[in-house]
N, C-alpha and C. Protein backbone atom coordinates (compact mmCIF):
# COMPACT_ATOMS: atom_id res chain seq x y z
N UNK A 1 156.97 88.76 179.10
CA UNK A 1 157.83 88.15 180.12
C UNK A 1 157.76 88.97 181.39
N UNK A 2 157.66 88.28 182.54
CA UNK A 2 157.62 89.01 183.81
C UNK A 2 159.01 89.52 184.18
N UNK A 3 159.11 90.19 185.30
CA UNK A 3 160.37 90.80 185.70
C UNK A 3 161.39 89.81 186.25
N UNK A 4 160.99 88.57 186.50
CA UNK A 4 161.89 87.56 187.05
C UNK A 4 162.59 86.84 185.90
N UNK A 5 163.94 86.99 185.77
CA UNK A 5 164.64 86.37 184.65
C UNK A 5 164.85 84.87 184.83
N UNK A 6 164.37 84.30 185.95
CA UNK A 6 164.57 82.88 186.19
C UNK A 6 163.23 82.20 186.48
N UNK A 7 163.20 80.90 186.16
CA UNK A 7 162.06 80.09 186.54
C UNK A 7 162.15 79.74 188.01
N UNK A 8 161.13 79.08 188.53
CA UNK A 8 161.14 78.68 189.93
C UNK A 8 162.23 77.70 190.25
N UNK A 9 162.75 76.96 189.24
CA UNK A 9 163.82 75.99 189.47
C UNK A 9 165.20 76.62 189.38
N UNK A 10 165.27 77.94 189.24
CA UNK A 10 166.55 78.64 189.18
C UNK A 10 167.15 78.71 187.79
N UNK A 11 166.52 78.09 186.80
CA UNK A 11 167.03 78.13 185.44
C UNK A 11 166.54 79.40 184.73
N UNK A 12 167.30 79.88 183.73
CA UNK A 12 166.84 81.08 183.01
C UNK A 12 165.47 80.85 182.37
N UNK A 13 164.63 81.85 182.44
CA UNK A 13 163.26 81.74 181.93
C UNK A 13 163.25 81.80 180.40
N UNK A 14 162.20 81.21 179.84
CA UNK A 14 161.97 81.30 178.40
C UNK A 14 160.48 81.46 178.15
N UNK A 15 160.13 82.46 177.34
CA UNK A 15 158.74 82.67 176.96
C UNK A 15 158.66 82.76 175.44
N UNK A 16 157.75 82.01 174.85
CA UNK A 16 157.53 82.05 173.41
C UNK A 16 156.07 82.43 173.17
N UNK A 17 155.87 83.52 172.47
CA UNK A 17 154.53 84.02 172.15
C UNK A 17 154.21 83.62 170.72
N UNK A 18 153.10 82.95 170.52
CA UNK A 18 152.66 82.58 169.17
C UNK A 18 151.82 83.74 168.63
N UNK A 19 152.43 84.56 167.78
CA UNK A 19 151.76 85.76 167.29
C UNK A 19 152.52 86.31 166.10
N UNK A 20 151.89 87.23 165.40
CA UNK A 20 152.54 87.99 164.34
C UNK A 20 153.43 89.04 165.03
N UNK A 21 154.73 88.99 164.76
CA UNK A 21 155.68 89.82 165.50
C UNK A 21 155.48 91.31 165.27
N UNK A 22 155.04 91.70 164.10
CA UNK A 22 154.95 93.13 163.78
C UNK A 22 153.94 93.85 164.68
N UNK A 23 152.67 93.46 164.68
CA UNK A 23 151.74 94.14 165.60
C UNK A 23 152.09 93.89 167.05
N UNK A 24 152.67 92.73 167.37
CA UNK A 24 153.05 92.44 168.75
C UNK A 24 154.09 93.44 169.23
N UNK A 25 155.10 93.73 168.42
CA UNK A 25 156.13 94.69 168.82
C UNK A 25 155.56 96.09 168.94
N UNK A 26 154.67 96.46 168.02
CA UNK A 26 154.07 97.79 168.10
C UNK A 26 153.30 97.97 169.41
N UNK A 27 152.61 96.92 169.81
CA UNK A 27 151.81 97.00 171.04
C UNK A 27 152.67 96.91 172.29
N UNK A 28 153.69 96.07 172.25
CA UNK A 28 154.51 95.82 173.45
C UNK A 28 155.40 97.01 173.81
N UNK A 29 156.02 97.62 172.81
CA UNK A 29 156.92 98.73 173.11
C UNK A 29 158.28 98.23 173.59
N UNK A 30 158.98 99.05 174.35
CA UNK A 30 160.34 98.73 174.78
C UNK A 30 160.33 97.60 175.81
N UNK A 31 161.22 96.63 175.62
CA UNK A 31 161.35 95.49 176.53
C UNK A 31 162.53 95.76 177.45
N UNK A 32 162.27 96.01 178.71
CA UNK A 32 163.32 96.38 179.66
C UNK A 32 164.38 95.29 179.76
N UNK A 33 165.65 95.70 179.76
CA UNK A 33 166.76 94.78 179.95
C UNK A 33 167.06 93.88 178.79
N UNK A 34 166.42 94.12 177.62
CA UNK A 34 166.56 93.19 176.50
C UNK A 34 167.60 93.65 175.49
N UNK A 35 168.22 92.66 174.85
CA UNK A 35 169.04 92.84 173.66
C UNK A 35 168.42 91.94 172.59
N UNK A 36 168.19 92.47 171.40
CA UNK A 36 167.57 91.68 170.33
C UNK A 36 168.64 90.92 169.55
N UNK A 37 168.35 89.65 169.28
CA UNK A 37 169.19 88.82 168.40
C UNK A 37 168.22 88.09 167.49
N UNK A 38 168.28 88.37 166.19
CA UNK A 38 167.25 87.82 165.32
C UNK A 38 167.72 87.70 163.87
N UNK A 39 166.92 87.00 163.09
CA UNK A 39 167.07 86.91 161.64
C UNK A 39 165.70 87.09 161.03
N UNK A 40 165.52 88.13 160.23
CA UNK A 40 164.21 88.44 159.67
C UNK A 40 163.89 87.50 158.51
N UNK A 41 162.62 87.13 158.35
CA UNK A 41 162.23 86.19 157.29
C UNK A 41 162.52 86.71 155.89
N UNK A 42 162.84 85.77 155.01
CA UNK A 42 163.08 86.05 153.60
C UNK A 42 161.75 86.31 152.89
N UNK A 43 161.82 86.85 151.68
CA UNK A 43 160.61 87.12 150.89
C UNK A 43 159.83 85.84 150.63
N UNK A 44 160.53 84.71 150.46
CA UNK A 44 159.85 83.44 150.22
C UNK A 44 159.06 82.97 151.43
N UNK A 45 159.47 83.39 152.63
CA UNK A 45 158.76 83.01 153.85
C UNK A 45 157.55 83.92 154.12
N UNK A 46 157.67 85.17 153.74
CA UNK A 46 156.59 86.12 153.99
C UNK A 46 155.47 85.94 152.96
N UNK A 47 155.85 85.54 151.74
CA UNK A 47 154.84 85.22 150.74
C UNK A 47 154.14 86.42 150.13
N UNK A 48 154.91 87.50 149.86
CA UNK A 48 154.35 88.69 149.23
C UNK A 48 155.27 89.09 148.07
N UNK A 49 154.85 90.07 147.29
CA UNK A 49 155.67 90.57 146.20
C UNK A 49 156.95 91.19 146.75
N UNK A 50 157.97 91.24 145.90
CA UNK A 50 159.29 91.69 146.34
C UNK A 50 159.27 93.11 146.90
N UNK A 51 158.59 94.03 146.23
CA UNK A 51 158.57 95.41 146.72
C UNK A 51 157.82 95.54 148.04
N UNK A 52 156.77 94.70 148.21
CA UNK A 52 156.04 94.69 149.48
C UNK A 52 156.92 94.14 150.59
N UNK A 53 157.64 93.06 150.29
CA UNK A 53 158.55 92.47 151.29
C UNK A 53 159.63 93.46 151.69
N UNK A 54 160.18 94.18 150.72
CA UNK A 54 161.26 95.13 151.04
C UNK A 54 160.77 96.18 152.04
N UNK A 55 159.58 96.71 151.81
CA UNK A 55 159.02 97.69 152.75
C UNK A 55 158.75 97.05 154.10
N UNK A 56 158.25 95.80 154.08
CA UNK A 56 158.00 95.07 155.32
C UNK A 56 159.31 94.86 156.09
N UNK A 57 160.37 94.47 155.39
CA UNK A 57 161.67 94.21 156.00
C UNK A 57 162.20 95.47 156.69
N UNK A 58 162.15 96.59 156.00
CA UNK A 58 162.63 97.84 156.59
C UNK A 58 161.84 98.21 157.84
N UNK A 59 160.53 98.03 157.77
CA UNK A 59 159.68 98.33 158.93
C UNK A 59 160.01 97.40 160.09
N UNK A 60 160.26 96.11 159.78
CA UNK A 60 160.59 95.13 160.82
C UNK A 60 161.89 95.50 161.53
N UNK A 61 162.91 95.90 160.78
CA UNK A 61 164.17 96.32 161.40
C UNK A 61 163.94 97.50 162.34
N UNK A 62 163.18 98.48 161.88
CA UNK A 62 162.91 99.65 162.72
C UNK A 62 162.18 99.26 164.01
N UNK A 63 161.25 98.32 163.91
CA UNK A 63 160.52 97.87 165.10
C UNK A 63 161.43 97.12 166.06
N UNK A 64 162.33 96.30 165.54
CA UNK A 64 163.26 95.56 166.40
C UNK A 64 164.17 96.54 167.15
N UNK A 65 164.69 97.53 166.44
CA UNK A 65 165.54 98.54 167.08
C UNK A 65 164.78 99.27 168.19
N UNK A 66 163.52 99.59 167.92
CA UNK A 66 162.71 100.32 168.90
C UNK A 66 162.29 99.45 170.08
N UNK A 67 162.37 98.12 169.92
CA UNK A 67 161.90 97.22 170.98
C UNK A 67 162.87 97.09 172.14
N UNK A 68 164.13 97.50 171.95
CA UNK A 68 165.12 97.38 173.02
C UNK A 68 165.49 98.77 173.52
N UNK A 69 165.96 98.88 174.77
CA UNK A 69 166.35 100.19 175.30
C UNK A 69 167.43 100.85 174.43
N UNK A 70 167.46 102.17 174.44
CA UNK A 70 168.40 102.91 173.59
C UNK A 70 169.84 102.52 173.86
N UNK A 71 170.17 102.22 175.12
CA UNK A 71 171.55 101.87 175.46
C UNK A 71 171.87 100.41 175.19
N UNK A 72 170.89 99.65 174.73
CA UNK A 72 171.11 98.24 174.38
C UNK A 72 171.42 98.15 172.89
N UNK A 73 171.26 96.96 172.31
CA UNK A 73 171.62 96.76 170.90
C UNK A 73 170.65 95.77 170.26
N UNK A 74 170.61 95.82 168.94
CA UNK A 74 169.89 94.83 168.14
C UNK A 74 170.88 94.18 167.20
N UNK A 75 170.93 92.86 167.22
CA UNK A 75 171.88 92.09 166.42
C UNK A 75 171.11 91.30 165.37
N UNK A 76 171.54 91.45 164.11
CA UNK A 76 170.84 90.83 162.99
C UNK A 76 171.76 89.87 162.23
N UNK A 77 171.21 88.68 161.92
CA UNK A 77 171.86 87.73 161.02
C UNK A 77 171.04 87.72 159.73
N UNK A 78 171.63 88.13 158.61
CA UNK A 78 170.88 88.19 157.36
C UNK A 78 171.74 87.74 156.18
N UNK A 79 171.18 86.85 155.36
CA UNK A 79 171.85 86.36 154.16
C UNK A 79 171.24 87.02 152.93
N UNK A 80 172.09 87.46 152.01
CA UNK A 80 171.62 88.10 150.79
C UNK A 80 170.86 87.10 149.92
N UNK A 81 170.05 87.62 149.00
CA UNK A 81 169.28 86.77 148.09
C UNK A 81 169.27 87.37 146.70
N UNK A 82 168.91 86.54 145.73
CA UNK A 82 168.67 87.00 144.37
C UNK A 82 167.20 86.76 144.05
N UNK A 83 166.54 87.78 143.54
CA UNK A 83 165.15 87.66 143.15
C UNK A 83 164.90 88.50 141.91
N UNK A 84 164.22 87.91 140.93
CA UNK A 84 163.78 88.63 139.74
C UNK A 84 164.94 89.35 139.07
N UNK A 85 166.09 88.67 139.01
CA UNK A 85 167.28 89.23 138.38
C UNK A 85 167.97 90.32 139.17
N UNK A 86 167.61 90.46 140.44
CA UNK A 86 168.17 91.52 141.29
C UNK A 86 168.87 90.92 142.49
N UNK A 87 170.04 91.45 142.81
CA UNK A 87 170.78 91.05 144.01
C UNK A 87 170.32 91.93 145.16
N UNK A 88 169.83 91.32 146.22
CA UNK A 88 169.30 92.08 147.36
C UNK A 88 170.26 91.93 148.53
N UNK A 89 170.93 93.01 148.87
CA UNK A 89 171.89 93.05 149.97
C UNK A 89 171.12 93.35 151.26
N UNK A 90 170.80 92.30 152.02
CA UNK A 90 170.00 92.50 153.23
C UNK A 90 170.79 93.17 154.34
N UNK A 91 172.11 93.05 154.29
CA UNK A 91 172.93 93.80 155.24
C UNK A 91 172.75 95.30 155.05
N UNK A 92 172.73 95.73 153.78
CA UNK A 92 172.53 97.15 153.49
C UNK A 92 171.14 97.60 153.92
N UNK A 93 170.14 96.75 153.75
CA UNK A 93 168.79 97.09 154.18
C UNK A 93 168.72 97.25 155.70
N UNK A 94 169.39 96.36 156.43
CA UNK A 94 169.42 96.46 157.90
C UNK A 94 170.02 97.80 158.32
N UNK A 95 171.15 98.15 157.73
CA UNK A 95 171.84 99.39 158.12
C UNK A 95 170.98 100.60 157.78
N UNK A 96 170.36 100.59 156.60
CA UNK A 96 169.50 101.71 156.20
C UNK A 96 168.35 101.90 157.18
N UNK A 97 167.63 100.83 157.49
CA UNK A 97 166.48 100.93 158.39
C UNK A 97 166.91 101.29 159.81
N UNK A 98 168.04 100.73 160.26
CA UNK A 98 168.53 101.05 161.60
C UNK A 98 168.85 102.52 161.73
N UNK A 99 169.48 103.08 160.70
CA UNK A 99 169.80 104.51 160.75
C UNK A 99 168.54 105.35 160.75
N UNK A 100 167.51 104.90 160.01
CA UNK A 100 166.23 105.61 160.02
C UNK A 100 165.60 105.57 161.41
N UNK A 101 165.92 104.53 162.19
CA UNK A 101 165.40 104.40 163.56
C UNK A 101 166.30 105.07 164.59
N UNK A 102 167.34 105.77 164.13
CA UNK A 102 168.22 106.49 165.05
C UNK A 102 169.38 105.68 165.59
N UNK A 103 169.63 104.49 165.01
CA UNK A 103 170.72 103.63 165.47
C UNK A 103 171.90 103.70 164.50
N UNK A 104 173.05 103.28 164.99
CA UNK A 104 174.26 103.22 164.16
C UNK A 104 174.91 101.85 164.32
N UNK A 105 175.72 101.49 163.34
CA UNK A 105 176.38 100.19 163.37
C UNK A 105 177.48 100.18 164.43
N UNK A 106 177.49 99.14 165.25
CA UNK A 106 178.54 98.97 166.26
C UNK A 106 179.56 97.93 165.82
N UNK A 107 179.12 96.93 165.04
CA UNK A 107 180.07 96.08 164.31
C UNK A 107 179.34 95.40 163.17
N UNK A 108 180.13 94.94 162.21
CA UNK A 108 179.61 94.20 161.05
C UNK A 108 180.56 93.05 160.78
N UNK A 109 180.12 91.84 161.08
CA UNK A 109 180.92 90.62 160.93
C UNK A 109 180.33 89.75 159.83
N UNK A 110 181.03 88.67 159.51
CA UNK A 110 180.58 87.72 158.49
C UNK A 110 180.58 86.31 159.08
N UNK A 111 179.51 85.57 158.81
CA UNK A 111 179.42 84.17 159.22
C UNK A 111 179.45 83.30 157.97
N UNK A 112 180.38 82.37 157.91
CA UNK A 112 180.47 81.47 156.76
C UNK A 112 179.40 80.38 156.87
N UNK A 113 178.60 80.24 155.82
CA UNK A 113 177.62 79.16 155.74
C UNK A 113 178.15 78.00 154.90
N UNK A 114 179.19 78.25 154.15
CA UNK A 114 179.91 77.24 153.37
C UNK A 114 181.39 77.46 153.59
N UNK A 115 182.23 76.48 153.35
CA UNK A 115 183.67 76.67 153.51
C UNK A 115 184.18 77.83 152.66
N UNK A 116 185.07 78.66 153.19
CA UNK A 116 185.61 79.78 152.42
C UNK A 116 186.21 79.30 151.10
N UNK A 117 185.96 80.02 150.03
CA UNK A 117 186.48 79.67 148.72
C UNK A 117 185.57 78.80 147.88
N UNK A 118 184.51 78.26 148.51
CA UNK A 118 183.58 77.41 147.76
C UNK A 118 182.67 78.27 146.89
N UNK A 119 182.41 77.81 145.66
CA UNK A 119 181.46 78.47 144.79
C UNK A 119 180.05 77.99 145.15
N UNK A 120 179.14 78.92 145.25
CA UNK A 120 177.75 78.57 145.59
C UNK A 120 176.82 79.11 144.51
N UNK A 121 175.67 78.51 144.38
CA UNK A 121 174.70 78.92 143.38
C UNK A 121 173.43 79.45 144.04
N UNK A 122 172.93 80.57 143.57
CA UNK A 122 171.65 81.08 144.03
C UNK A 122 171.70 81.91 145.29
N UNK A 123 172.45 81.46 146.28
CA UNK A 123 172.61 82.21 147.54
C UNK A 123 174.08 82.30 147.87
N UNK A 124 174.49 83.39 148.51
CA UNK A 124 175.89 83.48 148.93
C UNK A 124 176.18 82.50 150.06
N UNK A 125 177.44 82.16 150.20
CA UNK A 125 177.83 81.22 151.25
C UNK A 125 178.18 81.91 152.55
N UNK A 126 177.62 83.10 152.78
CA UNK A 126 177.91 83.83 154.01
C UNK A 126 176.67 84.56 154.48
N UNK A 127 176.71 84.96 155.75
CA UNK A 127 175.63 85.72 156.37
C UNK A 127 176.20 86.98 157.00
N UNK A 128 175.52 88.11 156.82
CA UNK A 128 175.89 89.33 157.54
C UNK A 128 175.51 89.18 159.01
N UNK A 129 176.39 89.62 159.90
CA UNK A 129 176.13 89.64 161.34
C UNK A 129 176.38 91.08 161.78
N UNK A 130 175.31 91.82 162.03
CA UNK A 130 175.39 93.26 162.24
C UNK A 130 174.78 93.63 163.59
N UNK A 131 175.52 94.44 164.35
CA UNK A 131 175.01 94.96 165.62
C UNK A 131 174.79 96.46 165.48
N UNK A 132 173.60 96.91 165.88
CA UNK A 132 173.29 98.34 165.84
C UNK A 132 172.77 98.78 167.21
N UNK A 133 172.94 100.06 167.50
CA UNK A 133 172.44 100.60 168.76
C UNK A 133 172.20 102.09 168.61
N UNK A 134 171.25 102.59 169.39
CA UNK A 134 170.97 104.02 169.38
C UNK A 134 171.89 104.79 170.30
N UNK A 135 172.42 104.16 171.36
CA UNK A 135 173.18 104.93 172.33
C UNK A 135 174.46 104.26 172.83
N UNK A 136 174.52 102.93 172.86
CA UNK A 136 175.70 102.30 173.45
C UNK A 136 176.95 102.53 172.63
N UNK A 137 178.08 102.60 173.31
CA UNK A 137 179.37 102.73 172.66
C UNK A 137 180.00 101.35 172.53
N UNK A 138 180.43 101.02 171.36
CA UNK A 138 181.07 99.72 171.16
C UNK A 138 182.51 99.81 171.64
N UNK A 139 182.98 98.80 172.38
CA UNK A 139 184.38 98.82 172.83
C UNK A 139 185.34 98.76 171.65
N UNK A 140 186.56 99.22 171.90
CA UNK A 140 187.57 99.20 170.83
C UNK A 140 187.84 97.79 170.34
N UNK A 141 187.78 96.83 171.24
CA UNK A 141 188.00 95.43 170.88
C UNK A 141 186.74 94.64 171.20
N UNK A 142 186.18 93.98 170.21
CA UNK A 142 185.01 93.14 170.38
C UNK A 142 185.45 91.68 170.25
N UNK A 143 185.12 90.88 171.25
CA UNK A 143 185.57 89.47 171.26
C UNK A 143 184.70 88.60 170.36
N UNK A 144 184.54 89.06 169.12
CA UNK A 144 183.81 88.30 168.09
C UNK A 144 184.68 88.32 166.84
N UNK A 145 185.02 87.17 166.26
CA UNK A 145 185.87 87.17 165.06
C UNK A 145 185.22 87.95 163.93
N UNK A 146 186.06 88.61 163.12
CA UNK A 146 185.53 89.32 161.95
C UNK A 146 184.87 88.34 160.98
N UNK A 147 185.44 87.15 160.88
CA UNK A 147 184.87 86.09 160.04
C UNK A 147 184.67 84.85 160.92
N UNK A 148 183.41 84.47 161.13
CA UNK A 148 183.09 83.28 161.92
C UNK A 148 183.02 82.10 160.97
N UNK A 149 184.05 81.26 161.00
CA UNK A 149 184.18 80.18 160.01
C UNK A 149 183.23 79.03 160.31
N UNK A 150 183.04 78.74 161.58
CA UNK A 150 182.18 77.61 161.98
C UNK A 150 180.93 78.15 162.65
N UNK A 151 179.82 78.13 161.91
CA UNK A 151 178.56 78.65 162.46
C UNK A 151 177.91 77.69 163.44
N UNK A 152 178.35 76.43 163.46
CA UNK A 152 177.75 75.44 164.34
C UNK A 152 176.52 74.79 163.73
N UNK A 153 175.94 73.87 164.47
CA UNK A 153 174.79 73.11 163.96
C UNK A 153 173.60 74.02 163.72
N UNK A 154 172.91 73.80 162.59
CA UNK A 154 171.64 74.47 162.32
C UNK A 154 170.52 73.57 162.80
N UNK A 155 169.73 74.07 163.74
CA UNK A 155 168.64 73.29 164.31
C UNK A 155 167.42 73.23 163.38
N UNK A 156 167.46 74.01 162.32
CA UNK A 156 166.40 74.04 161.32
C UNK A 156 167.04 74.56 160.05
N UNK A 157 166.47 74.23 158.89
CA UNK A 157 167.11 74.57 157.62
C UNK A 157 167.35 76.07 157.47
N UNK A 158 166.48 76.89 158.04
CA UNK A 158 166.64 78.34 157.93
C UNK A 158 167.26 78.98 159.18
N UNK A 159 167.64 78.16 160.14
CA UNK A 159 168.14 78.70 161.40
C UNK A 159 169.61 79.09 161.30
N UNK A 160 170.01 80.04 162.11
CA UNK A 160 171.43 80.35 162.24
C UNK A 160 172.10 79.25 163.05
N UNK A 161 173.37 79.04 162.84
CA UNK A 161 174.09 78.01 163.59
C UNK A 161 174.20 78.37 165.06
N UNK A 162 174.30 77.34 165.90
CA UNK A 162 174.32 77.58 167.35
C UNK A 162 175.58 78.33 167.79
N UNK A 163 176.72 78.10 167.13
CA UNK A 163 177.94 78.80 167.54
C UNK A 163 177.88 80.27 167.13
N UNK A 164 177.32 80.55 165.97
CA UNK A 164 177.13 81.95 165.58
C UNK A 164 176.21 82.64 166.57
N UNK A 165 175.11 81.97 166.93
CA UNK A 165 174.20 82.53 167.92
C UNK A 165 174.91 82.72 169.26
N UNK A 166 175.82 81.82 169.59
CA UNK A 166 176.58 81.94 170.83
C UNK A 166 177.40 83.22 170.88
N UNK A 167 178.02 83.58 169.76
CA UNK A 167 178.77 84.84 169.72
C UNK A 167 177.86 86.03 170.00
N UNK A 168 176.66 86.00 169.40
CA UNK A 168 175.72 87.10 169.60
C UNK A 168 175.25 87.19 171.04
N UNK A 169 174.91 86.05 171.63
CA UNK A 169 174.40 86.04 173.00
C UNK A 169 175.48 86.45 174.00
N UNK A 170 176.70 86.00 173.78
CA UNK A 170 177.79 86.42 174.68
C UNK A 170 178.02 87.93 174.59
N UNK A 171 177.90 88.49 173.40
CA UNK A 171 178.01 89.94 173.26
C UNK A 171 176.87 90.63 174.03
N UNK A 172 175.67 90.09 173.89
CA UNK A 172 174.52 90.64 174.62
C UNK A 172 174.75 90.58 176.13
N UNK A 173 175.28 89.48 176.60
CA UNK A 173 175.49 89.28 178.03
C UNK A 173 176.67 90.09 178.56
N UNK A 174 177.81 89.99 177.89
CA UNK A 174 179.06 90.50 178.44
C UNK A 174 179.34 91.96 178.09
N UNK A 175 178.87 92.42 176.94
CA UNK A 175 179.14 93.79 176.51
C UNK A 175 177.92 94.68 176.73
N UNK A 176 176.76 94.23 176.28
CA UNK A 176 175.54 95.02 176.44
C UNK A 176 175.07 94.99 177.89
N UNK A 177 175.29 93.87 178.59
CA UNK A 177 174.79 93.72 179.95
C UNK A 177 173.31 93.38 179.99
N UNK A 178 172.82 92.75 178.93
CA UNK A 178 171.39 92.40 178.84
C UNK A 178 171.03 91.32 179.84
N UNK A 179 169.79 91.33 180.27
CA UNK A 179 169.23 90.28 181.12
C UNK A 179 168.33 89.34 180.33
N UNK A 180 167.86 89.83 179.18
CA UNK A 180 166.93 89.06 178.35
C UNK A 180 167.38 89.16 176.90
N UNK A 181 167.35 88.03 176.19
CA UNK A 181 167.59 88.02 174.76
C UNK A 181 166.23 87.92 174.07
N UNK A 182 165.97 88.84 173.15
CA UNK A 182 164.68 88.94 172.48
C UNK A 182 164.83 88.58 171.01
N UNK A 183 164.06 87.59 170.54
CA UNK A 183 164.05 87.21 169.13
C UNK A 183 162.61 87.24 168.63
N UNK A 184 162.23 88.29 167.88
CA UNK A 184 160.85 88.41 167.44
C UNK A 184 160.47 87.51 166.27
N UNK A 185 161.46 86.86 165.66
CA UNK A 185 161.21 85.91 164.58
C UNK A 185 161.98 84.64 164.91
N UNK A 186 161.58 83.99 166.01
CA UNK A 186 162.45 82.99 166.65
C UNK A 186 162.46 81.63 165.98
N UNK A 187 161.54 81.35 165.05
CA UNK A 187 161.58 80.05 164.40
C UNK A 187 161.47 78.91 165.40
N UNK A 188 162.40 77.95 165.29
CA UNK A 188 162.38 76.81 166.21
C UNK A 188 163.08 77.10 167.53
N UNK A 189 163.62 78.32 167.69
CA UNK A 189 164.13 78.73 169.00
C UNK A 189 165.62 78.60 169.23
N UNK A 190 166.41 78.60 168.17
CA UNK A 190 167.87 78.47 168.35
C UNK A 190 168.42 79.54 169.27
N UNK A 191 168.09 80.80 169.00
CA UNK A 191 168.62 81.91 169.80
C UNK A 191 168.14 81.80 171.25
N UNK A 192 166.89 81.43 171.44
CA UNK A 192 166.35 81.32 172.80
C UNK A 192 167.06 80.23 173.59
N UNK A 193 167.28 79.09 172.94
CA UNK A 193 167.96 77.98 173.61
C UNK A 193 169.41 78.33 173.94
N UNK A 194 170.07 79.02 173.02
CA UNK A 194 171.46 79.44 173.27
C UNK A 194 171.50 80.45 174.41
N UNK A 195 170.56 81.38 174.44
CA UNK A 195 170.52 82.35 175.54
C UNK A 195 170.38 81.64 176.88
N UNK A 196 169.47 80.70 176.98
CA UNK A 196 169.30 79.94 178.23
C UNK A 196 170.56 79.18 178.59
N UNK A 197 171.22 78.57 177.60
CA UNK A 197 172.44 77.81 177.86
C UNK A 197 173.54 78.70 178.41
N UNK A 198 173.52 79.98 178.04
CA UNK A 198 174.54 80.92 178.50
C UNK A 198 174.05 81.79 179.67
N UNK A 199 172.94 81.38 180.28
CA UNK A 199 172.52 81.99 181.52
C UNK A 199 171.59 83.17 181.43
N UNK A 200 171.05 83.46 180.23
CA UNK A 200 170.15 84.60 180.08
C UNK A 200 168.71 84.13 179.85
N UNK A 201 167.76 84.93 180.30
CA UNK A 201 166.37 84.69 179.98
C UNK A 201 166.14 84.95 178.50
N UNK A 202 165.07 84.38 177.95
CA UNK A 202 164.81 84.50 176.52
C UNK A 202 163.34 84.76 176.27
N UNK A 203 163.07 85.65 175.31
CA UNK A 203 161.71 85.98 174.91
C UNK A 203 161.63 85.90 173.39
N UNK A 204 160.75 85.06 172.87
CA UNK A 204 160.62 84.91 171.43
C UNK A 204 159.19 85.08 170.96
N UNK A 205 159.05 85.44 169.69
CA UNK A 205 157.75 85.52 169.03
C UNK A 205 157.84 84.70 167.76
N UNK A 206 156.83 83.86 167.53
CA UNK A 206 156.81 83.01 166.33
C UNK A 206 155.37 82.84 165.88
N UNK A 207 155.11 83.16 164.62
CA UNK A 207 153.75 83.12 164.09
C UNK A 207 153.25 81.70 163.87
N UNK A 208 154.16 80.80 163.46
CA UNK A 208 153.78 79.42 163.17
C UNK A 208 153.64 78.63 164.48
N UNK A 209 152.47 78.03 164.70
CA UNK A 209 152.20 77.37 165.98
C UNK A 209 153.14 76.19 166.22
N UNK A 210 153.40 75.38 165.18
CA UNK A 210 154.27 74.22 165.35
C UNK A 210 155.68 74.65 165.72
N UNK A 211 156.20 75.66 165.03
CA UNK A 211 157.55 76.13 165.35
C UNK A 211 157.59 76.77 166.73
N UNK A 212 156.52 77.45 167.13
CA UNK A 212 156.47 78.04 168.47
C UNK A 212 156.60 76.96 169.54
N UNK A 213 155.92 75.83 169.33
CA UNK A 213 156.02 74.71 170.27
C UNK A 213 157.45 74.17 170.30
N UNK A 214 158.07 74.06 169.13
CA UNK A 214 159.46 73.59 169.08
C UNK A 214 160.38 74.57 169.80
N UNK A 215 160.10 75.86 169.65
CA UNK A 215 160.93 76.88 170.29
C UNK A 215 160.84 76.83 171.81
N UNK A 216 159.72 76.39 172.32
CA UNK A 216 159.58 76.26 173.78
C UNK A 216 160.39 75.09 174.32
N UNK A 217 160.66 74.10 173.48
CA UNK A 217 161.27 72.85 173.95
C UNK A 217 162.74 72.69 173.58
N UNK A 218 163.21 73.43 172.57
CA UNK A 218 164.58 73.20 172.07
C UNK A 218 165.62 73.42 173.16
N UNK A 219 166.59 72.52 173.22
CA UNK A 219 167.68 72.62 174.19
C UNK A 219 169.01 72.65 173.46
N UNK A 220 169.89 73.52 173.88
CA UNK A 220 171.27 73.60 173.39
C UNK A 220 172.18 73.49 174.59
N UNK A 221 173.20 72.67 174.49
CA UNK A 221 174.15 72.51 175.58
C UNK A 221 175.32 73.48 175.40
N UNK A 222 175.85 73.98 176.50
CA UNK A 222 176.93 74.95 176.44
C UNK A 222 178.12 74.42 175.67
N UNK A 223 178.34 73.11 175.69
CA UNK A 223 179.46 72.51 174.96
C UNK A 223 179.34 72.65 173.46
N UNK A 224 178.13 72.89 172.95
CA UNK A 224 177.93 73.09 171.51
C UNK A 224 178.36 74.49 171.06
N UNK A 225 178.59 75.37 172.01
CA UNK A 225 178.83 76.77 171.67
C UNK A 225 180.30 77.14 171.69
């Protein structure tokens, strides 16, 4: 993304790179003015053995943390999974890898994917929403509910809801002071579209060509947030 956060028409810019995010982040380095908002792919999406995926996941978190300035933040939405008789707490994995990258937790919230109190099978009905940073100080009061009951519309089966993404982007804009929202695993572009709707430029990376095209075109209206 160039240094201009707006397109020629005055609207916030959006760039979607069709690439493998891991080598792309290693090559790109720190993205000036960016705050990361992302959800890392599940083991079923990566298509490798569980132990290989776990190492990949930890490496991905470290790369995301390193991709934003030290005084900025990286925000992760992650849902736990069960595999091979094992419960995998992806929130714990995020915190572990972030600490290895020199970051600390600034907040840890919960997003409901099912109505509270509902019994679910196979996957939990909630998502971890975790903000980490290497240098920024989190304010005493964060204008994000501890439990986000309404995640909003999911633009894709694996996407985070638009209202949940709205909380993350507003934090990036109003607390972090970011100019760009960075999603290295952007899927169909929910986070990018929400960032544009709230006045921020957006930069995404997506390996799948079809989803990358969708991410370039997806629109979210501010009224949905």
